[in-house]
Amino acid sequence: MLRFIGIAAAAITLTFGFAFAQSTNAPLNVVATFSILGDFAKNVGGDRVNVTTLVGQNSDTHVYTPTPADAKKIADAKLVIVNGLGLEGWLPRLVKSSGSKAVTVVATKGVTARKIEDGHSHDPADADPHAWQSVDNAKIYVTNIRDVLIAADPAGAETYRANATAYLAKLDALDRDIRETVAKIPSERRSVISTHDAFGYFAAAYGIKFIAPQGVSTESEPSARDIAAIITQIKKQKIPAVFLENVTNPRLMQRIAAETGAKIGGTLYSDSLTNEKGPAPTYIDMVRHNIKALTSALSS
């Protein structure tokens, strides 16, 4: 299914050779499919863009159902930024129904996709869509967005380049901080249980092992055998903590914690940001919150 969705996304993706460019001083109307992409676009676009997101804060892109209002947003946009890698299975139909002339760009272009080979996928060629969980990949997202904004609005090229350069420097600093923080966690304690398999790229980049009852999509339901195996693994390996996620039901993790004695280490933010009053209103805030929560649970 994910392979089909990826093909569909590719079919609506155009290169950076745009058939349009901004001809007025009005902000460029940009639609991002979910909040993390929206944050990237705002950081690069600044005042020259008007960014709208389809999947709101604390909402799950995997199981999202578009509304008529979303079709209107797509129809009014000049540019639609999507994650790709099978995340937005509902998108091709929405774009078609909107009649939009917007250019659709896949922000993960150039990312080395992580393959799903853990038994949760029926096709080993399927890709894990959560590429933003590696800061190096987030930098690829940002440079893709920068380039597409320059192509769409050449008059703003200098602004987009300057904004992207400043933001990429912040991401470089974030990456360094994560690596320094993880290095302080004893190697034998660098394992946690999370609700769904959203942290594979983070694990590969930073050396913390994540074990998840669900697959890469929250649409899947773990079997009784999966849950029993994870409970056994926690007890055998003395995994210190389980973590909730802001886009999933907490009951499963609470059950696992109760049956194993592992403590609930808090909430990790995987697929969605929070509102301004929450702990993860931006991508950088989200990653810093997650690493702080992990460090607190695993270091003691």
C-alpha atoms as a PDB file:
ATOM      1  CA  MET A   1       0.000   0.000   0.000  1.00  0.00           C
ATOM      2  CA  LEU A   2       2.788   2.405   0.932  1.00  0.00           C
ATOM      3  CA  ARG A   3       4.495   1.680  -2.403  1.00  0.00           C
ATOM      4  CA  PHE A   4       1.292   2.576  -4.265  1.00  0.00           C
ATOM      5  CA  ILE A   5       0.946   5.780  -2.255  1.00  0.00           C
ATOM      6  CA  GLY A   6       4.559   6.682  -2.997  1.00  0.00           C
ATOM      7  CA  ILE A   7       3.931   6.235  -6.726  1.00  0.00           C
ATOM      8  CA  ALA A   8       0.805   8.358  -6.496  1.00  0.00           C
ATOM      9  CA  ALA A   9       2.696  11.084  -4.686  1.00  0.00           C
ATOM     10  CA  ALA A  10       5.437  10.996  -7.287  1.00  0.00           C
ATOM     11  CA  ALA A  11       2.848  11.337 -10.026  1.00  0.00           C
ATOM     12  CA  ILE A  12       1.691  14.686  -8.673  1.00  0.00           C
ATOM     13  CA  THR A  13       5.183  15.959  -7.868  1.00  0.00           C
ATOM     14  CA  LEU A  14       6.784  18.422 -10.232  1.00  0.00           C
ATOM     15  CA  THR A  15      10.399  19.495 -10.438  1.00  0.00           C
ATOM     16  CA  PHE A  16      11.560  22.906  -9.363  1.00  0.00           C
ATOM     17  CA  GLY A  17      11.036  24.289 -12.864  1.00  0.00           C
ATOM     18  CA  PHE A  18       7.857  26.196 -12.104  1.00  0.00           C
ATOM     19  CA  ALA A  19       5.268  27.334 -14.563  1.00  0.00           C
ATOM     20  CA  PHE A  20       4.504  30.255 -12.289  1.00  0.00           C
ATOM     21  CA  ALA A  21       6.301  32.826 -10.198  1.00  0.00           C
ATOM     22  CA  GLN A  22       5.034  35.437  -7.815  1.00  0.00           C
ATOM     23  CA  SER A  23       4.094  38.565  -9.699  1.00  0.00           C
ATOM     24  CA  THR A  24       2.767  40.553  -6.748  1.00  0.00           C
ATOM     25  CA  ASN A  25       3.949  41.566  -3.307  1.00  0.00           C
ATOM     26  CA  ALA A  26       1.281  39.417  -1.671  1.00  0.00           C
ATOM     27  CA  PRO A  27       2.575  36.510   0.442  1.00  0.00           C
ATOM     28  CA  LEU A  28       2.933  33.194  -1.360  1.00  0.00           C
ATOM     29  CA  ASN A  29       0.119  30.826  -0.355  1.00  0.00           C
ATOM     30  CA  VAL A  30       1.727  27.605   0.852  1.00  0.00           C
ATOM     31  CA  VAL A  31      -0.044  24.517   2.207  1.00  0.00           C
ATOM     32  CA  ALA A  32       1.898  21.993   4.292  1.00  0.00           C
ATOM     33  CA  THR A  33       0.292  18.663   5.004  1.00  0.00           C
ATOM     34  CA  PHE A  34       1.148  18.620   8.729  1.00  0.00           C
ATOM     35  CA  SER A  35       2.543  20.822  11.467  1.00  0.00           C
ATOM     36  CA  ILE A  36       6.240  19.863  11.292  1.00  0.00           C
ATOM     37  CA  LEU A  37       6.401  20.673   7.585  1.00  0.00           C
ATOM     38  CA  GLY A  38       4.520  23.889   8.287  1.00  0.00           C
ATOM     39  CA  ASP A  39       7.147  24.910  10.834  1.00  0.00           C
ATOM     40  CA  PHE A  40       9.963  24.301   8.345  1.00  0.00           C
ATOM     41  CA  ALA A  41       8.146  26.367   5.702  1.00  0.00           C
ATOM     42  CA  LYS A  42       7.555  29.260   8.121  1.00  0.00           C
ATOM     43  CA  ASN A  43      11.200  29.339   9.161  1.00  0.00           C
ATOM     44  CA  VAL A  44      12.388  29.494   5.569  1.00  0.00           C
ATOM     45  CA  GLY A  45       9.607  31.624   4.123  1.00  0.00           C
ATOM     46  CA  GLY A  46       9.251  34.207   6.852  1.00  0.00           C
ATOM     47  CA  ASP A  47       6.952  37.100   5.979  1.00  0.00           C
ATOM     48  CA  ARG A  48       6.978  36.264   2.283  1.00  0.00           C
ATOM     49  CA  VAL A  49       4.793  33.178   2.756  1.00  0.00           C
ATOM     50  CA  ASN A  50       1.359  32.466   4.178  1.00  0.00           C
ATOM     51  CA  VAL A  51       1.570  28.894   5.499  1.00  0.00           C
ATOM     52  CA  THR A  52      -1.503  26.777   6.206  1.00  0.00           C
ATOM     53  CA  THR A  53      -1.373  23.216   7.524  1.00  0.00           C
ATOM     54  CA  LEU A  54      -3.962  20.530   6.868  1.00  0.00           C
ATOM     55  CA  VAL A  55      -3.350  18.176   9.804  1.00  0.00           C
ATOM     56  CA  GLY A  56      -3.422  20.300  12.922  1.00  0.00           C
ATOM     57  CA  GLN A  57      -1.459  20.269  16.159  1.00  0.00           C
ATOM     58  CA  ASN A  58      -1.576  17.072  18.238  1.00  0.00           C
ATOM     59  CA  SER A  59      -3.253  15.291  15.309  1.00  0.00           C
ATOM     60  CA  ASP A  60      -2.294  12.099  13.502  1.00  0.00           C
ATOM     61  CA  THR A  61      -1.371  12.380   9.816  1.00  0.00           C
ATOM     62  CA  HIS A  62      -1.509   8.592   9.338  1.00  0.00           C
ATOM     63  CA  VAL A  63      -5.262   8.378   9.902  1.00  0.00           C
ATOM     64  CA  TYR A  64      -6.328  11.873   8.902  1.00  0.00           C
ATOM     65  CA  THR A  65      -9.602  12.363   7.023  1.00  0.00           C
ATOM     66  CA  PRO A  66      -9.600  15.496   4.803  1.00  0.00           C
ATOM     67  CA  THR A  67     -12.489  17.954   4.978  1.00  0.00           C
ATOM     68  CA  PRO A  68     -14.098  20.153   2.309  1.00  0.00           C
ATOM     69  CA  ALA A  69     -12.206  23.066   3.878  1.00  0.00           C
ATOM     70  CA  ASP A  70      -8.953  21.267   3.085  1.00  0.00           C
ATOM     71  CA  ALA A  71      -9.905  21.044  -0.589  1.00  0.00           C
ATOM     72  CA  LYS A  72     -10.453  24.820  -0.554  1.00  0.00           C
ATOM     73  CA  LYS A  73      -7.017  25.367   1.036  1.00  0.00           C
ATOM     74  CA  ILE A  74      -5.385  23.231  -1.647  1.00  0.00           C
ATOM     75  CA  ALA A  75      -7.315  25.022  -4.401  1.00  0.00           C
ATOM     76  CA  ASP A  76      -6.104  28.427  -3.152  1.00  0.00           C
ATOM     77  CA  ALA A  77      -2.460  27.395  -2.759  1.00  0.00           C
ATOM     78  CA  LYS A  78       0.409  28.063  -5.130  1.00  0.00           C
ATOM     79  CA  LEU A  79       2.567  25.440  -3.478  1.00  0.00           C
ATOM     80  CA  VAL A  80       1.763  22.255  -1.531  1.00  0.00           C
ATOM     81  CA  ILE A  81       4.551  20.743   0.578  1.00  0.00           C
ATOM     82  CA  VAL A  82       4.185  17.061   1.442  1.00  0.00           C
ATOM     83  CA  ASN A  83       6.328  14.536   3.260  1.00  0.00           C
ATOM     84  CA  GLY A  84       5.899  11.639   0.863  1.00  0.00           C
ATOM     85  CA  LEU A  85       7.280   8.161   1.664  1.00  0.00           C
ATOM     86  CA  GLY A  86       3.707   6.949   1.999  1.00  0.00           C
ATOM     87  CA  LEU A  87       2.700   9.183   4.923  1.00  0.00           C
ATOM     88  CA  GLU A  88      -0.189  11.070   3.316  1.00  0.00           C
ATOM     89  CA  GLY A  89      -2.228   8.282   1.743  1.00  0.00           C
ATOM     90  CA  TRP A  90      -5.260  10.554   1.543  1.00  0.00           C
ATOM     91  CA  LEU A  91      -3.468  13.295  -0.410  1.00  0.00           C
ATOM     92  CA  PRO A  92      -3.723  12.327  -4.105  1.00  0.00           C
ATOM     93  CA  ARG A  93      -7.519  12.094  -3.957  1.00  0.00           C
ATOM     94  CA  LEU A  94      -7.707  15.434  -2.107  1.00  0.00           C
ATOM     95  CA  VAL A  95      -5.536  17.193  -4.698  1.00  0.00           C
ATOM     96  CA  LYS A  96      -7.610  15.740  -7.523  1.00  0.00           C
ATOM     97  CA  SER A  97     -10.937  16.710  -5.947  1.00  0.00           C
ATOM     98  CA  SER A  98      -9.724  20.255  -5.257  1.00  0.00           C
ATOM     99  CA  GLY A  99      -8.970  20.953  -8.915  1.00  0.00           C
ATOM    100  CA  SER A 100      -5.828  22.686  -7.688  1.00  0.00           C
ATOM    101  CA  LYS A 101      -3.163  24.021 -10.028  1.00  0.00           C
ATOM    102  CA  ALA A 102      -0.660  24.133  -7.161  1.00  0.00           C
ATOM    103  CA  VAL A 103       2.776  22.641  -7.524  1.00  0.00           C
ATOM    104  CA  THR A 104       3.172  19.697  -5.131  1.00  0.00           C
ATOM    105  CA  VAL A 105       6.682  19.097  -3.841  1.00  0.00           C
ATOM    106  CA  VAL A 106       7.871  16.128  -1.786  1.00  0.00           C
ATOM    107  CA  ALA A 107      10.096  17.482   0.997  1.00  0.00           C
ATOM    108  CA  THR A 108      11.901  14.150   1.467  1.00  0.00           C
ATOM    109  CA  LYS A 109      13.494  14.297  -1.984  1.00  0.00           C
ATOM    110  CA  GLY A 110      17.102  13.200  -1.500  1.00  0.00           C
ATOM    111  CA  VAL A 111      16.509  11.472   1.853  1.00  0.00           C
ATOM    112  CA  THR A 112      17.831   7.922   2.175  1.00  0.00           C
ATOM    113  CA  ALA A 113      14.662   6.143   3.214  1.00  0.00           C
ATOM    114  CA  ARG A 114      14.715   3.644   6.051  1.00  0.00           C
ATOM    115  CA  LYS A 115      13.245   0.337   4.944  1.00  0.00           C
ATOM    116  CA  ILE A 116      10.670  -1.424   7.073  1.00  0.00           C
ATOM    117  CA  GLU A 117      11.937  -4.928   7.752  1.00  0.00           C
ATOM    118  CA  ASP A 118      10.529  -5.564  11.212  1.00  0.00           C
ATOM    119  CA  GLY A 119       7.505  -7.683  10.415  1.00  0.00           C
ATOM    120  CA  HIS A 120       5.047  -4.787  10.497  1.00  0.00           C
ATOM    121  CA  SER A 121       5.145  -4.344   6.729  1.00  0.00           C
ATOM    122  CA  HIS A 122       3.919  -6.765   4.112  1.00  0.00           C
ATOM    123  CA  ASP A 123       6.472  -5.418   1.644  1.00  0.00           C
ATOM    124  CA  PRO A 124      10.131  -5.055   2.691  1.00  0.00           C
ATOM    125  CA  ALA A 125      10.568  -2.331   0.068  1.00  0.00           C
ATOM    126  CA  ASP A 126       8.142  -0.069   1.937  1.00  0.00           C
ATOM    127  CA  ALA A 127       9.677   3.027   3.479  1.00  0.00           C
ATOM    128  CA  ASP A 128       9.425   4.528   6.944  1.00  0.00           C
ATOM    129  CA  PRO A 129       7.987   8.034   6.433  1.00  0.00           C
ATOM    130  CA  HIS A 130       9.245   9.557   9.725  1.00  0.00           C
ATOM    131  CA  ALA A 131      12.458  10.890   8.187  1.00  0.00           C
ATOM    132  CA  TRP A 132      12.273  14.225  10.058  1.00  0.00           C
ATOM    133  CA  GLN A 133      13.268  12.454  13.289  1.00  0.00           C
ATOM    134  CA  SER A 134      16.903  12.651  12.125  1.00  0.00           C
ATOM    135  CA  VAL A 135      18.111  16.254  12.233  1.00  0.00           C
ATOM    136  CA  ASP A 136      20.344  15.595   9.216  1.00  0.00           C
ATOM    137  CA  ASN A 137      17.200  14.666   7.292  1.00  0.00           C
ATOM    138  CA  ALA A 138      15.407  17.744   8.603  1.00  0.00           C
ATOM    139  CA  LYS A 139      18.172  19.783   6.950  1.00  0.00           C
ATOM    140  CA  ILE A 140      17.335  18.091   3.636  1.00  0.00           C
ATOM    141  CA  TYR A 141      13.687  19.052   4.122  1.00  0.00           C
ATOM    142  CA  VAL A 142      14.715  22.656   4.730  1.00  0.00           C
ATOM    143  CA  THR A 143      16.986  22.918   1.696  1.00  0.00           C
ATOM    144  CA  ASN A 144      14.263  21.419  -0.520  1.00  0.00           C
ATOM    145  CA  ILE A 145      11.755  23.932   0.788  1.00  0.00           C
ATOM    146  CA  ARG A 146      14.253  26.772   0.296  1.00  0.00           C
ATOM    147  CA  ASP A 147      14.869  25.776  -3.314  1.00  0.00           C
ATOM    148  CA  VAL A 148      11.209  25.404  -4.165  1.00  0.00           C
ATOM    149  CA  LEU A 149      10.340  28.780  -2.624  1.00  0.00           C
ATOM    150  CA  ILE A 150      13.109  30.445  -4.634  1.00  0.00           C
ATOM    151  CA  ALA A 151      11.749  28.847  -7.807  1.00  0.00           C
ATOM    152  CA  ALA A 152       8.223  29.965  -6.996  1.00  0.00           C
ATOM    153  CA  ASP A 153       9.197  33.468  -5.879  1.00  0.00           C
ATOM    154  CA  PRO A 154      12.558  34.498  -7.382  1.00  0.00           C
ATOM    155  CA  ALA A 155      12.225  38.029  -6.001  1.00  0.00           C
ATOM    156  CA  GLY A 156      12.480  36.575  -2.504  1.00  0.00           C
ATOM    157  CA  ALA A 157      15.538  34.431  -3.223  1.00  0.00           C
ATOM    158  CA  GLU A 158      17.877  36.414  -0.978  1.00  0.00           C
ATOM    159  CA  THR A 159      15.390  36.265   1.912  1.00  0.00           C
ATOM    160  CA  TYR A 160      14.825  32.539   1.532  1.00  0.00           C
ATOM    161  CA  ARG A 161      18.541  31.813   1.385  1.00  0.00           C
ATOM    162  CA  ALA A 162      19.275  33.940   4.445  1.00  0.00           C
ATOM    163  CA  ASN A 163      16.410  32.439   6.442  1.00  0.00           C
ATOM    164  CA  ALA A 164      17.401  28.898   5.499  1.00  0.00           C
ATOM    165  CA  THR A 165      21.064  29.512   6.361  1.00  0.00           C
ATOM    166  CA  ALA A 166      20.118  30.843   9.802  1.00  0.00           C
ATOM    167  CA  TYR A 167      17.748  27.960  10.466  1.00  0.00           C
ATOM    168  CA  LEU A 168      20.211  25.334   9.247  1.00  0.00           C
ATOM    169  CA  ALA A 169      22.756  26.714  11.731  1.00  0.00           C
ATOM    170  CA  LYS A 170      20.209  26.155  14.510  1.00  0.00           C
ATOM    171  CA  LEU A 171      19.694  22.591  13.305  1.00  0.00           C
ATOM    172  CA  ASP A 172      23.464  22.015  13.315  1.00  0.00           C
ATOM    173  CA  ALA A 173      23.575  23.174  16.938  1.00  0.00           C
ATOM    174  CA  LEU A 174      20.598  20.938  17.786  1.00  0.00           C
ATOM    175  CA  ASP A 175      22.312  17.905  16.269  1.00  0.00           C
ATOM    176  CA  ARG A 176      25.490  18.560  18.258  1.00  0.00           C
ATOM    177  CA  ASP A 177      23.502  18.912  21.487  1.00  0.00           C
ATOM    178  CA  ILE A 178      21.683  15.607  20.914  1.00  0.00           C
ATOM    179  CA  ARG A 179      24.930  13.734  20.324  1.00  0.00           C
ATOM    180  CA  GLU A 180      26.573  15.234  23.408  1.00  0.00           C
ATOM    181  CA  THR A 181      23.519  14.398  25.526  1.00  0.00           C
ATOM    182  CA  VAL A 182      23.172  10.799  24.329  1.00  0.00           C
ATOM    183  CA  ALA A 183      26.896  10.215  24.979  1.00  0.00           C
ATOM    184  CA  LYS A 184      26.203  10.788  28.693  1.00  0.00           C
ATOM    185  CA  ILE A 185      23.607   7.983  28.846  1.00  0.00           C
ATOM    186  CA  PRO A 186      25.124   4.604  29.812  1.00  0.00           C
ATOM    187  CA  SER A 187      25.173   2.428  26.693  1.00  0.00           C
ATOM    188  CA  GLU A 188      23.362  -0.445  28.418  1.00  0.00           C
ATOM    189  CA  ARG A 189      20.410   1.862  29.195  1.00  0.00           C
ATOM    190  CA  ARG A 190      19.875   3.216  25.682  1.00  0.00           C
ATOM    191  CA  SER A 191      16.655   1.259  24.996  1.00  0.00           C
ATOM    192  CA  VAL A 192      13.065   2.416  25.359  1.00  0.00           C
ATOM    193  CA  ILE A 193       9.569   1.337  24.398  1.00  0.00           C
ATOM    194  CA  SER A 194       7.489   3.811  22.364  1.00  0.00           C
ATOM    195  CA  THR A 195       3.940   3.490  21.113  1.00  0.00           C
ATOM    196  CA  HIS A 196       4.529   3.233  17.362  1.00  0.00           C
ATOM    197  CA  ASP A 197       7.660   2.924  15.260  1.00  0.00           C
ATOM    198  CA  ALA A 198       8.186   6.626  14.619  1.00  0.00           C
ATOM    199  CA  PHE A 199      11.764   6.929  15.859  1.00  0.00           C
ATOM    200  CA  GLY A 200      13.716   4.634  13.541  1.00  0.00           C
ATOM    201  CA  TYR A 201      15.645   7.497  11.952  1.00  0.00           C
ATOM    202  CA  PHE A 202      16.377   8.987  15.380  1.00  0.00           C
ATOM    203  CA  ALA A 203      17.607   5.601  16.601  1.00  0.00           C
ATOM    204  CA  ALA A 204      19.871   5.134  13.588  1.00  0.00           C
ATOM    205  CA  ALA A 205      21.316   8.631  13.919  1.00  0.00           C
ATOM    206  CA  TYR A 206      21.816   8.815  17.677  1.00  0.00           C
ATOM    207  CA  GLY A 207      22.118   5.280  19.032  1.00  0.00           C
ATOM    208  CA  ILE A 208      19.022   4.909  21.186  1.00  0.00           C
ATOM    209  CA  LYS A 209      17.031   1.743  20.482  1.00  0.00           C
ATOM    210  CA  PHE A 210      13.256   2.114  20.190  1.00  0.00           C
ATOM    211  CA  ILE A 211      10.937  -0.901  20.417  1.00  0.00           C
ATOM    212  CA  ALA A 212       7.315  -0.361  19.382  1.00  0.00           C
ATOM    213  CA  PRO A 213       4.195  -2.538  19.666  1.00  0.00           C
ATOM    214  CA  GLN A 214       2.748  -0.842  16.580  1.00  0.00           C
ATOM    215  CA  GLY A 215       4.347  -0.496  13.165  1.00  0.00           C
ATOM    216  CA  VAL A 216       5.270   2.753  11.449  1.00  0.00           C
ATOM    217  CA  SER A 217       1.605   3.670  11.032  1.00  0.00           C
ATOM    218  CA  THR A 218      -0.841   4.191  13.879  1.00  0.00           C
ATOM    219  CA  GLU A 219      -3.425   2.472  11.688  1.00  0.00           C
ATOM    220  CA  SER A 220      -1.947  -0.906  12.636  1.00  0.00           C
ATOM    221  CA  GLU A 221      -2.946  -2.741  15.822  1.00  0.00           C
ATOM    222  CA  PRO A 222      -0.409  -4.824  17.748  1.00  0.00           C
ATOM    223  CA  SER A 223      -1.325  -8.468  18.252  1.00  0.00           C
ATOM    224  CA  ALA A 224      -1.467 -10.168  21.638  1.00  0.00           C
ATOM    225  CA  ARG A 225       1.681 -12.057  20.626  1.00  0.00           C
ATOM    226  CA  ASP A 226       3.498  -8.758  19.832  1.00  0.00           C
ATOM    227  CA  ILE A 227       2.571  -7.312  23.215  1.00  0.00           C
ATOM    228  CA  ALA A 228       3.560 -10.474  25.083  1.00  0.00           C
ATOM    229  CA  ALA A 229       6.909 -10.548  23.280  1.00  0.00           C
ATOM    230  CA  ILE A 230       7.629  -6.938  24.196  1.00  0.00           C
ATOM    231  CA  ILE A 231       6.707  -7.524  27.843  1.00  0.00           C
ATOM    232  CA  THR A 232       9.108 -10.478  27.910  1.00  0.00           C
ATOM    233  CA  GLN A 233      11.813  -8.385  26.236  1.00  0.00           C
ATOM    234  CA  ILE A 234      11.434  -5.536  28.738  1.00  0.00           C
ATOM    235  CA  LYS A 235      11.812  -7.926  31.656  1.00  0.00           C
ATOM    236  CA  LYS A 236      14.734  -9.807  30.108  1.00  0.00           C
ATOM    237  CA  GLN A 237      16.691  -6.734  29.031  1.00  0.00           C
ATOM    238  CA  LYS A 238      15.600  -4.619  32.010  1.00  0.00           C
ATOM    239  CA  ILE A 239      14.476  -1.808  29.683  1.00  0.00           C
ATOM    240  CA  PRO A 240      14.016   1.124  32.054  1.00  0.00           C
ATOM    241  CA  ALA A 241      11.200   3.174  30.513  1.00  0.00           C
ATOM    242  CA  VAL A 242       8.212   3.260  28.232  1.00  0.00           C
ATOM    243  CA  PHE A 243       7.017   6.433  26.558  1.00  0.00           C
ATOM    244  CA  LEU A 244       3.629   7.696  25.489  1.00  0.00           C
ATOM    245  CA  GLU A 245       3.114   9.721  22.298  1.00  0.00           C
ATOM    246  CA  ASN A 246       0.905  12.722  21.722  1.00  0.00           C
ATOM    247  CA  VAL A 247      -0.855  11.157  18.712  1.00  0.00           C
ATOM    248  CA  THR A 248      -1.668   7.731  20.167  1.00  0.00           C
ATOM    249  CA  ASN A 249      -3.890   6.169  22.835  1.00  0.00           C
ATOM    250  CA  PRO A 250      -1.934   5.857  26.120  1.00  0.00           C
ATOM    251  CA  ARG A 251      -3.714   2.740  27.440  1.00  0.00           C
ATOM    252  CA  LEU A 252      -1.442   0.204  25.747  1.00  0.00           C
ATOM    253  CA  MET A 253       1.738   1.721  27.152  1.00  0.00           C
ATOM    254  CA  GLN A 254       0.173   2.090  30.597  1.00  0.00           C
ATOM    255  CA  ARG A 255      -0.674  -1.632  30.504  1.00  0.00           C
ATOM    256  CA  ILE A 256       2.862  -2.573  29.448  1.00  0.00           C
ATOM    257  CA  ALA A 257       4.338  -0.407  32.204  1.00  0.00           C
ATOM    258  CA  ALA A 258       2.041  -1.950  34.820  1.00  0.00           C
ATOM    259  CA  GLU A 259       2.940  -5.520  33.788  1.00  0.00           C
ATOM    260  CA  THR A 260       6.698  -4.960  33.609  1.00  0.00           C
ATOM    261  CA  GLY A 261       7.460  -2.440  36.296  1.00  0.00           C
ATOM    262  CA  ALA A 262       9.095  -0.139  33.735  1.00  0.00           C
ATOM    263  CA  LYS A 263       8.367   3.467  34.484  1.00  0.00           C
ATOM    264  CA  ILE A 264       6.479   5.763  32.119  1.00  0.00           C
ATOM    265  CA  GLY A 265       9.132   8.233  31.058  1.00  0.00           C
ATOM    266  CA  GLY A 266       6.682  10.847  29.823  1.00  0.00           C
ATOM    267  CA  THR A 267       5.359  11.850  26.423  1.00  0.00           C
ATOM    268  CA  LEU A 268       7.382  11.908  23.228  1.00  0.00           C
ATOM    269  CA  TYR A 269       6.308  14.036  20.276  1.00  0.00           C
ATOM    270  CA  SER A 270       6.668  12.113  17.053  1.00  0.00           C
ATOM    271  CA  ASP A 271       4.339  13.132  14.227  1.00  0.00           C
ATOM    272  CA  SER A 272       2.883  16.428  15.387  1.00  0.00           C
ATOM    273  CA  LEU A 273       3.733  19.653  17.173  1.00  0.00           C
ATOM    274  CA  THR A 274       1.715  21.189  20.004  1.00  0.00           C
ATOM    275  CA  ASN A 275       0.146  24.626  20.253  1.00  0.00           C
ATOM    276  CA  GLU A 276       2.184  27.583  21.491  1.00  0.00           C
ATOM    277  CA  LYS A 277       1.443  26.759  25.141  1.00  0.00           C
ATOM    278  CA  GLY A 278       2.567  23.140  24.793  1.00  0.00           C
ATOM    279  CA  PRO A 279       6.080  21.740  25.136  1.00  0.00           C
ATOM    280  CA  ALA A 280       6.656  21.276  21.402  1.00  0.00           C
ATOM    281  CA  PRO A 281       5.359  24.272  19.435  1.00  0.00           C
ATOM    282  CA  THR A 282       8.261  24.068  16.940  1.00  0.00           C
ATOM    283  CA  TYR A 283      10.379  21.285  15.475  1.00  0.00           C
ATOM    284  CA  ILE A 284      13.436  22.340  17.507  1.00  0.00           C
ATOM    285  CA  ASP A 285      11.345  22.508  20.683  1.00  0.00           C
ATOM    286  CA  MET A 286       9.962  19.044  19.886  1.00  0.00           C
ATOM    287  CA  VAL A 287      13.389  17.443  19.510  1.00  0.00           C
ATOM    288  CA  ARG A 288      14.755  19.182  22.608  1.00  0.00           C
ATOM    289  CA  HIS A 289      11.729  18.048  24.631  1.00  0.00           C
ATOM    290  CA  ASN A 290      12.175  14.454  23.448  1.00  0.00           C
ATOM    291  CA  ILE A 291      15.872  14.240  24.225  1.00  0.00           C
ATOM    292  CA  LYS A 292      15.318  15.805  27.647  1.00  0.00           C
ATOM    293  CA  ALA A 293      12.581  13.260  28.424  1.00  0.00           C
ATOM    294  CA  LEU A 294      14.764  10.382  27.212  1.00  0.00           C
ATOM    295  CA  THR A 295      17.776  11.579  29.180  1.00  0.00           C
ATOM    296  CA  SER A 296      15.751  11.982  32.364  1.00  0.00           C
ATOM    297  CA  ALA A 297      14.332   8.458  32.105  1.00  0.00           C
ATOM    298  CA  LEU A 298      17.475   6.641  30.987  1.00  0.00           C
ATOM    299  CA  SER A 299      20.242   8.335  32.957  1.00  0.00           C
ATOM    300  CA  SER A 300      18.922   7.481  36.416  1.00  0.00           C
END
